């Protein structure tokens, strides 16, 4: 087996059919498999996934309900994978035509790769204005404070031996585990390469409540990453950076006439709140 596609799934009944339909249409000359890893779904995600068993090459459904978190689900999938290459994507996105072949080619040339995100197909126009649309032309920059580049696990590939050498994803990271994973692999000596032929359609959160919760938890885990990587070369955060961010938020609060602007502002507010929460929780000043 050359490549294993690992798809973590938690209550993705509304979207997993789209992703599996896209995977069912993939063609590649090498042998490959798809592993859907259920992380304790309580909806009919599994029933939908089972409908694709005769259409998706070597589809397996694996249980990972014993511990919450996408990191645990991805590690569980990797442990049972038979492929030399591991390709990670998510149950709420849609891989592009020839994604498997492009990922396979990328991993034949590089050890650790991230692909390109497109946003136009799965998102309403107003939603595109609510977020910074990352990973379209290159790797994601980390600015809290500036450190190594990273990429989302929604479009990530790695040689299995390297994944195993770093111990997989950190399962204590319930958010930003992909950032942590990318950094650990790079610090262990493997470069992360951006390959723009490996494309997915990325789905943004369209619920205000879900977006707020997502951004708040990102803020909390920003602080944990800061605490974890300061001894490993991450620069110190200027003490005034958090205060300046709050000032910028207050100034922007007067310019929220459009829905996209309001959602963007709400997400930024949630992240700042999360950083306060994380600073208290992890006992480190990182606003």
C-alpha atoms as a PDB file:
ATOM      1  CA  UNK A   1       0.000   0.000   0.000  1.00  0.00           C
ATOM      2  CA  UNK A   2       1.462   3.327  -1.046  1.00  0.00           C
ATOM      3  CA  UNK A   3      -0.807   5.929   0.554  1.00  0.00           C
ATOM      4  CA  UNK A   4      -3.342   6.049   3.379  1.00  0.00           C
ATOM      5  CA  UNK A   5      -5.891   8.872   3.517  1.00  0.00           C
ATOM      6  CA  UNK A   6      -6.950   9.514   7.119  1.00  0.00           C
ATOM      7  CA  UNK A   7     -10.249  11.324   7.771  1.00  0.00           C
ATOM      8  CA  UNK A   8     -11.109  12.052  11.424  1.00  0.00           C
ATOM      9  CA  UNK A   9     -14.839  12.366  11.980  1.00  0.00           C
ATOM     10  CA  UNK A  10     -16.997  13.701  14.799  1.00  0.00           C
ATOM     11  CA  UNK A  11     -20.678  14.411  14.135  1.00  0.00           C
ATOM     12  CA  UNK A  12     -20.048  15.268  10.493  1.00  0.00           C
ATOM     13  CA  UNK A  13     -23.279  13.890   9.038  1.00  0.00           C
ATOM     14  CA  UNK A  14     -23.959  17.153   7.197  1.00  0.00           C
ATOM     15  CA  UNK A  15     -20.619  17.144   5.375  1.00  0.00           C
ATOM     16  CA  UNK A  16     -18.851  13.778   5.311  1.00  0.00           C
ATOM     17  CA  UNK A  17     -20.855  12.596   2.309  1.00  0.00           C
ATOM     18  CA  UNK A  18     -19.410  15.440   0.237  1.00  0.00           C
ATOM     19  CA  UNK A  19     -15.863  14.510   1.217  1.00  0.00           C
ATOM     20  CA  UNK A  20     -16.318  10.790   0.591  1.00  0.00           C
ATOM     21  CA  UNK A  21     -18.005  11.498  -2.741  1.00  0.00           C
ATOM     22  CA  UNK A  22     -14.927  13.482  -3.758  1.00  0.00           C
ATOM     23  CA  UNK A  23     -12.633  10.662  -2.617  1.00  0.00           C
ATOM     24  CA  UNK A  24     -14.721   8.117  -4.521  1.00  0.00           C
ATOM     25  CA  UNK A  25     -13.931   9.973  -7.757  1.00  0.00           C
ATOM     26  CA  UNK A  26     -10.150   9.926  -7.272  1.00  0.00           C
ATOM     27  CA  UNK A  27      -7.909   7.968  -9.620  1.00  0.00           C
ATOM     28  CA  UNK A  28      -4.278   6.990  -9.072  1.00  0.00           C
ATOM     29  CA  UNK A  29      -2.040   4.309 -10.488  1.00  0.00           C
ATOM     30  CA  UNK A  30      -0.715   3.284  -7.052  1.00  0.00           C
ATOM     31  CA  UNK A  31      -2.554   1.410  -4.301  1.00  0.00           C
ATOM     32  CA  UNK A  32      -4.244   3.601  -1.697  1.00  0.00           C
ATOM     33  CA  UNK A  33      -6.825   3.397   1.060  1.00  0.00           C
ATOM     34  CA  UNK A  34      -9.183   5.642   3.016  1.00  0.00           C
ATOM     35  CA  UNK A  35      -9.550   5.364   6.788  1.00  0.00           C
ATOM     36  CA  UNK A  36     -12.498   7.164   8.385  1.00  0.00           C
ATOM     37  CA  UNK A  37     -11.786   7.486  12.101  1.00  0.00           C
ATOM     38  CA  UNK A  38     -14.884   7.984  14.237  1.00  0.00           C
ATOM     39  CA  UNK A  39     -14.178  10.072  17.329  1.00  0.00           C
ATOM     40  CA  UNK A  40     -17.435   9.284  19.107  1.00  0.00           C
ATOM     41  CA  UNK A  41     -20.084  10.596  16.723  1.00  0.00           C
ATOM     42  CA  UNK A  42     -23.666  10.601  17.993  1.00  0.00           C
ATOM     43  CA  UNK A  43     -25.289  11.459  14.660  1.00  0.00           C
ATOM     44  CA  UNK A  44     -25.510   9.252  11.565  1.00  0.00           C
ATOM     45  CA  UNK A  45     -21.985   9.983  10.293  1.00  0.00           C
ATOM     46  CA  UNK A  46     -21.058   6.301  10.405  1.00  0.00           C
ATOM     47  CA  UNK A  47     -24.156   5.214   8.497  1.00  0.00           C
ATOM     48  CA  UNK A  48     -23.293   7.691   5.752  1.00  0.00           C
ATOM     49  CA  UNK A  49     -19.663   6.545   5.652  1.00  0.00           C
ATOM     50  CA  UNK A  50     -20.717   2.906   5.331  1.00  0.00           C
ATOM     51  CA  UNK A  51     -22.679   3.749   2.186  1.00  0.00           C
ATOM     52  CA  UNK A  52     -19.360   4.428   0.432  1.00  0.00           C
ATOM     53  CA  UNK A  53     -17.708   1.080   1.213  1.00  0.00           C
ATOM     54  CA  UNK A  54     -18.175  -0.178  -2.322  1.00  0.00           C
ATOM     55  CA  UNK A  55     -17.206   3.125  -3.937  1.00  0.00           C
ATOM     56  CA  UNK A  56     -14.130   4.367  -2.091  1.00  0.00           C
ATOM     57  CA  UNK A  57     -10.997   2.228  -2.588  1.00  0.00           C
ATOM     58  CA  UNK A  58     -10.148   0.109   0.460  1.00  0.00           C
ATOM     59  CA  UNK A  59     -12.403   2.143   2.755  1.00  0.00           C
ATOM     60  CA  UNK A  60     -12.162   1.256   6.433  1.00  0.00           C
ATOM     61  CA  UNK A  61     -14.040   2.738   9.376  1.00  0.00           C
ATOM     62  CA  UNK A  62     -12.089   2.743  12.631  1.00  0.00           C
ATOM     63  CA  UNK A  63     -13.290   3.538  16.148  1.00  0.00           C
ATOM     64  CA  UNK A  64     -11.504   6.184  18.224  1.00  0.00           C
ATOM     65  CA  UNK A  65     -14.314   7.041  20.618  1.00  0.00           C
ATOM     66  CA  UNK A  66     -12.242   6.245  23.707  1.00  0.00           C
ATOM     67  CA  UNK A  67     -10.673   9.724  23.807  1.00  0.00           C
ATOM     68  CA  UNK A  68     -11.913  13.043  22.390  1.00  0.00           C
ATOM     69  CA  UNK A  69      -9.878  15.107  19.977  1.00  0.00           C
ATOM     70  CA  UNK A  70      -8.828  15.182  16.341  1.00  0.00           C
ATOM     71  CA  UNK A  71      -5.219  14.478  17.352  1.00  0.00           C
ATOM     72  CA  UNK A  72      -6.233  11.153  18.881  1.00  0.00           C
ATOM     73  CA  UNK A  73      -8.366  10.304  15.852  1.00  0.00           C
ATOM     74  CA  UNK A  74      -5.521  11.020  13.423  1.00  0.00           C
ATOM     75  CA  UNK A  75      -3.054   9.008  15.488  1.00  0.00           C
ATOM     76  CA  UNK A  76      -5.495   6.101  15.647  1.00  0.00           C
ATOM     77  CA  UNK A  77      -5.858   6.188  11.875  1.00  0.00           C
ATOM     78  CA  UNK A  78      -2.101   6.336  11.390  1.00  0.00           C
ATOM     79  CA  UNK A  79      -1.566   3.306  13.646  1.00  0.00           C
ATOM     80  CA  UNK A  80      -3.775   1.078  11.510  1.00  0.00           C
ATOM     81  CA  UNK A  81      -2.728   2.598   8.188  1.00  0.00           C
ATOM     82  CA  UNK A  82      -0.929   0.362   5.725  1.00  0.00           C
ATOM     83  CA  UNK A  83       0.475   3.082   3.490  1.00  0.00           C
ATOM     84  CA  UNK A  84       4.047   4.281   3.237  1.00  0.00           C
ATOM     85  CA  UNK A  85       2.615   7.799   2.919  1.00  0.00           C
ATOM     86  CA  UNK A  86      -0.013   9.351   5.219  1.00  0.00           C
ATOM     87  CA  UNK A  87      -2.410  12.001   3.905  1.00  0.00           C
ATOM     88  CA  UNK A  88      -4.684  13.881   6.292  1.00  0.00           C
ATOM     89  CA  UNK A  89      -7.924  15.618   5.336  1.00  0.00           C
ATOM     90  CA  UNK A  90     -11.101  16.530   7.228  1.00  0.00           C
ATOM     91  CA  UNK A  91     -14.694  15.333   7.125  1.00  0.00           C
ATOM     92  CA  UNK A  92     -16.109  18.816   6.535  1.00  0.00           C
ATOM     93  CA  UNK A  93     -14.023  19.797   3.497  1.00  0.00           C
ATOM     94  CA  UNK A  94     -13.826  18.532  -0.091  1.00  0.00           C
ATOM     95  CA  UNK A  95     -10.673  17.314  -1.803  1.00  0.00           C
ATOM     96  CA  UNK A  96     -10.212  18.493  -5.369  1.00  0.00           C
ATOM     97  CA  UNK A  97     -10.092  16.304  -8.445  1.00  0.00           C
ATOM     98  CA  UNK A  98      -6.784  14.389  -8.583  1.00  0.00           C
ATOM     99  CA  UNK A  99      -6.003  15.247  -4.941  1.00  0.00           C
ATOM    100  CA  UNK A 100      -4.837  11.706  -4.144  1.00  0.00           C
ATOM    101  CA  UNK A 101      -2.557  11.536  -7.179  1.00  0.00           C
ATOM    102  CA  UNK A 102      -1.173  15.011  -6.476  1.00  0.00           C
ATOM    103  CA  UNK A 103      -0.544  14.163  -2.831  1.00  0.00           C
ATOM    104  CA  UNK A 104       1.128  10.897  -3.805  1.00  0.00           C
ATOM    105  CA  UNK A 105       3.395  12.707  -6.255  1.00  0.00           C
ATOM    106  CA  UNK A 106       4.226  15.385  -3.687  1.00  0.00           C
ATOM    107  CA  UNK A 107       5.229  12.786  -1.104  1.00  0.00           C
ATOM    108  CA  UNK A 108       7.334  10.958  -3.673  1.00  0.00           C
ATOM    109  CA  UNK A 109       9.361  14.177  -3.986  1.00  0.00           C
ATOM    110  CA  UNK A 110       9.239  15.525  -0.415  1.00  0.00           C
ATOM    111  CA  UNK A 111       8.967  14.118   3.100  1.00  0.00           C
ATOM    112  CA  UNK A 112       6.401  16.515   4.567  1.00  0.00           C
ATOM    113  CA  UNK A 113       3.938  18.557   2.507  1.00  0.00           C
ATOM    114  CA  UNK A 114       0.983  20.901   2.803  1.00  0.00           C
ATOM    115  CA  UNK A 115      -1.441  21.681   0.008  1.00  0.00           C
ATOM    116  CA  UNK A 116      -3.451  24.668  -1.146  1.00  0.00           C
ATOM    117  CA  UNK A 117      -6.801  25.785   0.235  1.00  0.00           C
ATOM    118  CA  UNK A 118      -9.595  27.194  -1.897  1.00  0.00           C
ATOM    119  CA  UNK A 119     -12.684  28.742  -0.341  1.00  0.00           C
ATOM    120  CA  UNK A 120     -15.120  29.742  -3.072  1.00  0.00           C
ATOM    121  CA  UNK A 121     -17.097  26.499  -3.460  1.00  0.00           C
ATOM    122  CA  UNK A 122     -18.213  25.720   0.104  1.00  0.00           C
ATOM    123  CA  UNK A 123     -18.677  29.220   1.557  1.00  0.00           C
ATOM    124  CA  UNK A 124     -21.096  32.118   1.079  1.00  0.00           C
ATOM    125  CA  UNK A 125     -19.567  35.414  -0.151  1.00  0.00           C
ATOM    126  CA  UNK A 126     -20.159  37.186   3.187  1.00  0.00           C
ATOM    127  CA  UNK A 127     -18.311  34.415   5.001  1.00  0.00           C
ATOM    128  CA  UNK A 128     -15.230  34.922   2.864  1.00  0.00           C
ATOM    129  CA  UNK A 129     -14.995  38.448   4.302  1.00  0.00           C
ATOM    130  CA  UNK A 130     -15.155  37.185   7.879  1.00  0.00           C
ATOM    131  CA  UNK A 131     -11.771  35.482   7.959  1.00  0.00           C
ATOM    132  CA  UNK A 132      -8.243  35.776   6.668  1.00  0.00           C
ATOM    133  CA  UNK A 133      -8.165  33.091   3.976  1.00  0.00           C
ATOM    134  CA  UNK A 134      -4.982  31.197   4.742  1.00  0.00           C
ATOM    135  CA  UNK A 135      -2.876  28.665   2.868  1.00  0.00           C
ATOM    136  CA  UNK A 136      -3.831  29.820  -0.618  1.00  0.00           C
ATOM    137  CA  UNK A 137      -0.367  30.755  -1.856  1.00  0.00           C
ATOM    138  CA  UNK A 138       1.959  29.294   0.737  1.00  0.00           C
ATOM    139  CA  UNK A 139       2.382  27.999   4.257  1.00  0.00           C
ATOM    140  CA  UNK A 140       0.718  29.762   7.158  1.00  0.00           C
ATOM    141  CA  UNK A 141       2.787  32.277   9.093  1.00  0.00           C
ATOM    142  CA  UNK A 142       2.608  32.209  12.873  1.00  0.00           C
ATOM    143  CA  UNK A 143       2.552  35.700  14.370  1.00  0.00           C
ATOM    144  CA  UNK A 144       2.050  35.099  18.082  1.00  0.00           C
ATOM    145  CA  UNK A 145       5.007  35.759  18.156  1.00  0.00           C
ATOM    146  CA  UNK A 146       6.640  35.009  14.764  1.00  0.00           C
ATOM    147  CA  UNK A 147       7.947  31.443  14.694  1.00  0.00           C
ATOM    148  CA  UNK A 148       8.094  28.510  12.281  1.00  0.00           C
ATOM    149  CA  UNK A 149       5.624  28.154   9.380  1.00  0.00           C
ATOM    150  CA  UNK A 150       2.794  25.679   9.733  1.00  0.00           C
ATOM    151  CA  UNK A 151      -0.228  24.280   7.910  1.00  0.00           C
ATOM    152  CA  UNK A 152      -3.651  22.860   8.657  1.00  0.00           C
ATOM    153  CA  UNK A 153      -4.170  19.113   8.962  1.00  0.00           C
ATOM    154  CA  UNK A 154      -7.040  19.464   6.504  1.00  0.00           C
ATOM    155  CA  UNK A 155      -4.494  19.143   3.683  1.00  0.00           C
ATOM    156  CA  UNK A 156      -1.292  17.641   5.039  1.00  0.00           C
ATOM    157  CA  UNK A 157       0.890  14.729   3.967  1.00  0.00           C
ATOM    158  CA  UNK A 158       3.879  13.026   5.562  1.00  0.00           C
ATOM    159  CA  UNK A 159       5.951   9.905   5.189  1.00  0.00           C
ATOM    160  CA  UNK A 160       4.822   7.403   7.759  1.00  0.00           C
ATOM    161  CA  UNK A 161       8.300   6.809   9.181  1.00  0.00           C
ATOM    162  CA  UNK A 162       8.640  10.503  10.039  1.00  0.00           C
ATOM    163  CA  UNK A 163       5.185  10.626  11.639  1.00  0.00           C
ATOM    164  CA  UNK A 164       6.139   7.693  13.832  1.00  0.00           C
ATOM    165  CA  UNK A 165       9.561   9.144  14.655  1.00  0.00           C
ATOM    166  CA  UNK A 166       8.028  12.283  16.209  1.00  0.00           C
ATOM    167  CA  UNK A 167       5.351  10.295  18.037  1.00  0.00           C
ATOM    168  CA  UNK A 168       2.419  11.503  15.961  1.00  0.00           C
ATOM    169  CA  UNK A 169       0.124  14.308  17.071  1.00  0.00           C
ATOM    170  CA  UNK A 170       0.182  15.519  20.668  1.00  0.00           C
ATOM    171  CA  UNK A 171      -3.140  14.231  21.980  1.00  0.00           C
ATOM    172  CA  UNK A 172      -3.174  16.716  24.856  1.00  0.00           C
ATOM    173  CA  UNK A 173      -3.599  19.505  22.279  1.00  0.00           C
ATOM    174  CA  UNK A 174      -7.340  19.712  21.657  1.00  0.00           C
ATOM    175  CA  UNK A 175      -6.787  22.747  19.423  1.00  0.00           C
ATOM    176  CA  UNK A 176      -3.847  23.879  17.259  1.00  0.00           C
ATOM    177  CA  UNK A 177      -2.521  20.335  17.302  1.00  0.00           C
ATOM    178  CA  UNK A 178      -1.608  20.719  13.637  1.00  0.00           C
ATOM    179  CA  UNK A 179       0.533  23.786  14.390  1.00  0.00           C
ATOM    180  CA  UNK A 180       2.294  21.863  17.147  1.00  0.00           C
ATOM    181  CA  UNK A 181       2.744  18.846  14.865  1.00  0.00           C
ATOM    182  CA  UNK A 182       4.253  20.919  12.055  1.00  0.00           C
ATOM    183  CA  UNK A 183       6.688  22.550  14.450  1.00  0.00           C
ATOM    184  CA  UNK A 184       7.810  19.298  16.052  1.00  0.00           C
ATOM    185  CA  UNK A 185       8.452  17.707  12.668  1.00  0.00           C
ATOM    186  CA  UNK A 186      10.434  20.747  11.523  1.00  0.00           C
ATOM    187  CA  UNK A 187      12.433  20.967  14.752  1.00  0.00           C
ATOM    188  CA  UNK A 188      13.287  17.291  14.276  1.00  0.00           C
ATOM    189  CA  UNK A 189      14.904  18.200  10.959  1.00  0.00           C
ATOM    190  CA  UNK A 190      12.245  17.737   8.241  1.00  0.00           C
ATOM    191  CA  UNK A 191      11.272  20.711   6.095  1.00  0.00           C
ATOM    192  CA  UNK A 192       7.591  21.434   5.445  1.00  0.00           C
ATOM    193  CA  UNK A 193       7.000  22.077   1.733  1.00  0.00           C
ATOM    194  CA  UNK A 194       4.001  23.843   0.194  1.00  0.00           C
ATOM    195  CA  UNK A 195       2.713  22.129  -2.970  1.00  0.00           C
ATOM    196  CA  UNK A 196       0.036  24.126  -4.784  1.00  0.00           C
ATOM    197  CA  UNK A 197      -1.160  21.222  -6.934  1.00  0.00           C
ATOM    198  CA  UNK A 198      -2.560  19.461  -3.837  1.00  0.00           C
ATOM    199  CA  UNK A 199      -5.885  21.278  -3.460  1.00  0.00           C
ATOM    200  CA  UNK A 200      -8.900  21.117  -1.170  1.00  0.00           C
ATOM    201  CA  UNK A 201     -12.052  23.195  -0.849  1.00  0.00           C
ATOM    202  CA  UNK A 202     -12.056  24.422   2.754  1.00  0.00           C
ATOM    203  CA  UNK A 203     -15.280  24.986   4.703  1.00  0.00           C
ATOM    204  CA  UNK A 204     -15.408  27.895   7.153  1.00  0.00           C
ATOM    205  CA  UNK A 205     -17.573  27.921  10.291  1.00  0.00           C
ATOM    206  CA  UNK A 206     -20.812  29.731   9.424  1.00  0.00           C
ATOM    207  CA  UNK A 207     -22.322  29.745  12.928  1.00  0.00           C
ATOM    208  CA  UNK A 208     -21.489  32.743  15.122  1.00  0.00           C
ATOM    209  CA  UNK A 209     -21.498  30.584  18.246  1.00  0.00           C
ATOM    210  CA  UNK A 210     -19.215  27.958  16.703  1.00  0.00           C
ATOM    211  CA  UNK A 211     -16.895  30.621  15.306  1.00  0.00           C
ATOM    212  CA  UNK A 212     -16.646  32.318  18.711  1.00  0.00           C
ATOM    213  CA  UNK A 213     -15.910  29.017  20.449  1.00  0.00           C
ATOM    214  CA  UNK A 214     -13.328  28.047  17.824  1.00  0.00           C
ATOM    215  CA  UNK A 215     -11.480  31.359  18.059  1.00  0.00           C
ATOM    216  CA  UNK A 216     -11.598  31.439  21.866  1.00  0.00           C
ATOM    217  CA  UNK A 217     -10.031  27.985  22.103  1.00  0.00           C
ATOM    218  CA  UNK A 218      -7.403  28.963  19.542  1.00  0.00           C
ATOM    219  CA  UNK A 219      -6.518  31.821  21.882  1.00  0.00           C
ATOM    220  CA  UNK A 220      -6.208  29.469  24.846  1.00  0.00           C
ATOM    221  CA  UNK A 221      -3.939  27.118  22.914  1.00  0.00           C
ATOM    222  CA  UNK A 222      -1.887  30.017  21.510  1.00  0.00           C
ATOM    223  CA  UNK A 223      -0.763  30.499  25.101  1.00  0.00           C
ATOM    224  CA  UNK A 224       0.020  26.819  25.601  1.00  0.00           C
ATOM    225  CA  UNK A 225       2.129  26.818  22.428  1.00  0.00           C
ATOM    226  CA  UNK A 226       3.941  29.907  23.695  1.00  0.00           C
ATOM    227  CA  UNK A 227       4.742  28.205  26.990  1.00  0.00           C
ATOM    228  CA  UNK A 228       5.816  24.994  25.248  1.00  0.00           C
ATOM    229  CA  UNK A 229       8.040  26.552  22.578  1.00  0.00           C
ATOM    230  CA  UNK A 230       9.665  29.476  24.398  1.00  0.00           C
ATOM    231  CA  UNK A 231      12.455  27.134  25.628  1.00  0.00           C
ATOM    232  CA  UNK A 232      12.829  25.842  22.045  1.00  0.00           C
ATOM    233  CA  UNK A 233      13.583  29.164  20.400  1.00  0.00           C
ATOM    234  CA  UNK A 234      10.264  31.002  20.138  1.00  0.00           C
ATOM    235  CA  UNK A 235      10.828  34.752  20.681  1.00  0.00           C
ATOM    236  CA  UNK A 236       9.364  36.480  23.719  1.00  0.00           C
ATOM    237  CA  UNK A 237       6.090  38.342  23.278  1.00  0.00           C
ATOM    238  CA  UNK A 238       6.393  42.087  23.950  1.00  0.00           C
ATOM    239  CA  UNK A 239       4.432  42.782  27.141  1.00  0.00           C
ATOM    240  CA  UNK A 240       2.372  45.493  25.441  1.00  0.00           C
ATOM    241  CA  UNK A 241       1.275  43.400  22.422  1.00  0.00           C
ATOM    242  CA  UNK A 242      -1.951  42.189  24.020  1.00  0.00           C
ATOM    243  CA  UNK A 243      -2.916  45.678  25.175  1.00  0.00           C
ATOM    244  CA  UNK A 244      -2.404  47.039  21.666  1.00  0.00           C
ATOM    245  CA  UNK A 245      -4.630  44.279  20.281  1.00  0.00           C
ATOM    246  CA  UNK A 246      -7.443  45.349  22.607  1.00  0.00           C
ATOM    247  CA  UNK A 247      -7.009  48.976  21.502  1.00  0.00           C
ATOM    248  CA  UNK A 248      -7.286  47.901  17.853  1.00  0.00           C
ATOM    249  CA  UNK A 249     -10.431  45.917  18.635  1.00  0.00           C
ATOM    250  CA  UNK A 250     -12.058  48.939  20.272  1.00  0.00           C
ATOM    251  CA  UNK A 251     -11.256  51.125  17.271  1.00  0.00           C
ATOM    252  CA  UNK A 252     -12.672  48.544  14.841  1.00  0.00           C
ATOM    253  CA  UNK A 253     -15.897  48.225  16.860  1.00  0.00           C
ATOM    254  CA  UNK A 254     -17.112  51.441  15.191  1.00  0.00           C
ATOM    255  CA  UNK A 255     -16.844  49.932  11.712  1.00  0.00           C
ATOM    256  CA  UNK A 256     -19.065  46.853  11.867  1.00  0.00           C
ATOM    257  CA  UNK A 257     -21.826  47.647   9.390  1.00  0.00           C
ATOM    258  CA  UNK A 258     -21.255  44.525   7.250  1.00  0.00           C
ATOM    259  CA  UNK A 259     -21.937  40.996   8.449  1.00  0.00           C
ATOM    260  CA  UNK A 260     -18.521  39.706   7.418  1.00  0.00           C
ATOM    261  CA  UNK A 261     -16.804  42.504   9.350  1.00  0.00           C
ATOM    262  CA  UNK A 262     -18.864  41.735  12.457  1.00  0.00           C
ATOM    263  CA  UNK A 263     -17.995  38.043  12.343  1.00  0.00           C
ATOM    264  CA  UNK A 264     -14.293  38.821  11.816  1.00  0.00           C
ATOM    265  CA  UNK A 265     -14.349  41.228  14.773  1.00  0.00           C
ATOM    266  CA  UNK A 266     -16.164  38.700  16.950  1.00  0.00           C
ATOM    267  CA  UNK A 267     -13.558  36.052  16.128  1.00  0.00           C
ATOM    268  CA  UNK A 268     -10.703  38.420  16.987  1.00  0.00           C
ATOM    269  CA  UNK A 269     -12.430  39.350  20.248  1.00  0.00           C
ATOM    270  CA  UNK A 270     -12.890  35.675  21.127  1.00  0.00           C
ATOM    271  CA  UNK A 271      -9.218  34.963  20.492  1.00  0.00           C
ATOM    272  CA  UNK A 272      -8.167  37.810  22.788  1.00  0.00           C
ATOM    273  CA  UNK A 273     -10.497  36.493  25.487  1.00  0.00           C
ATOM    274  CA  UNK A 274      -9.014  33.030  24.997  1.00  0.00           C
ATOM    275  CA  UNK A 275      -5.494  34.383  25.482  1.00  0.00           C
ATOM    276  CA  UNK A 276      -6.497  35.898  28.817  1.00  0.00           C
ATOM    277  CA  UNK A 277      -8.044  32.567  29.794  1.00  0.00           C
ATOM    278  CA  UNK A 278      -4.929  30.693  28.654  1.00  0.00           C
ATOM    279  CA  UNK A 279      -2.582  33.065  30.484  1.00  0.00           C
ATOM    280  CA  UNK A 280      -4.440  32.352  33.722  1.00  0.00           C
ATOM    281  CA  UNK A 281      -4.693  28.615  33.081  1.00  0.00           C
ATOM    282  CA  UNK A 282      -1.063  28.081  32.072  1.00  0.00           C
ATOM    283  CA  UNK A 283       0.412  30.756  34.366  1.00  0.00           C
ATOM    284  CA  UNK A 284       2.281  32.663  31.707  1.00  0.00           C
ATOM    285  CA  UNK A 285       1.845  36.261  30.510  1.00  0.00           C
ATOM    286  CA  UNK A 286       0.903  35.856  26.859  1.00  0.00           C
ATOM    287  CA  UNK A 287      -1.831  38.316  25.956  1.00  0.00           C
END
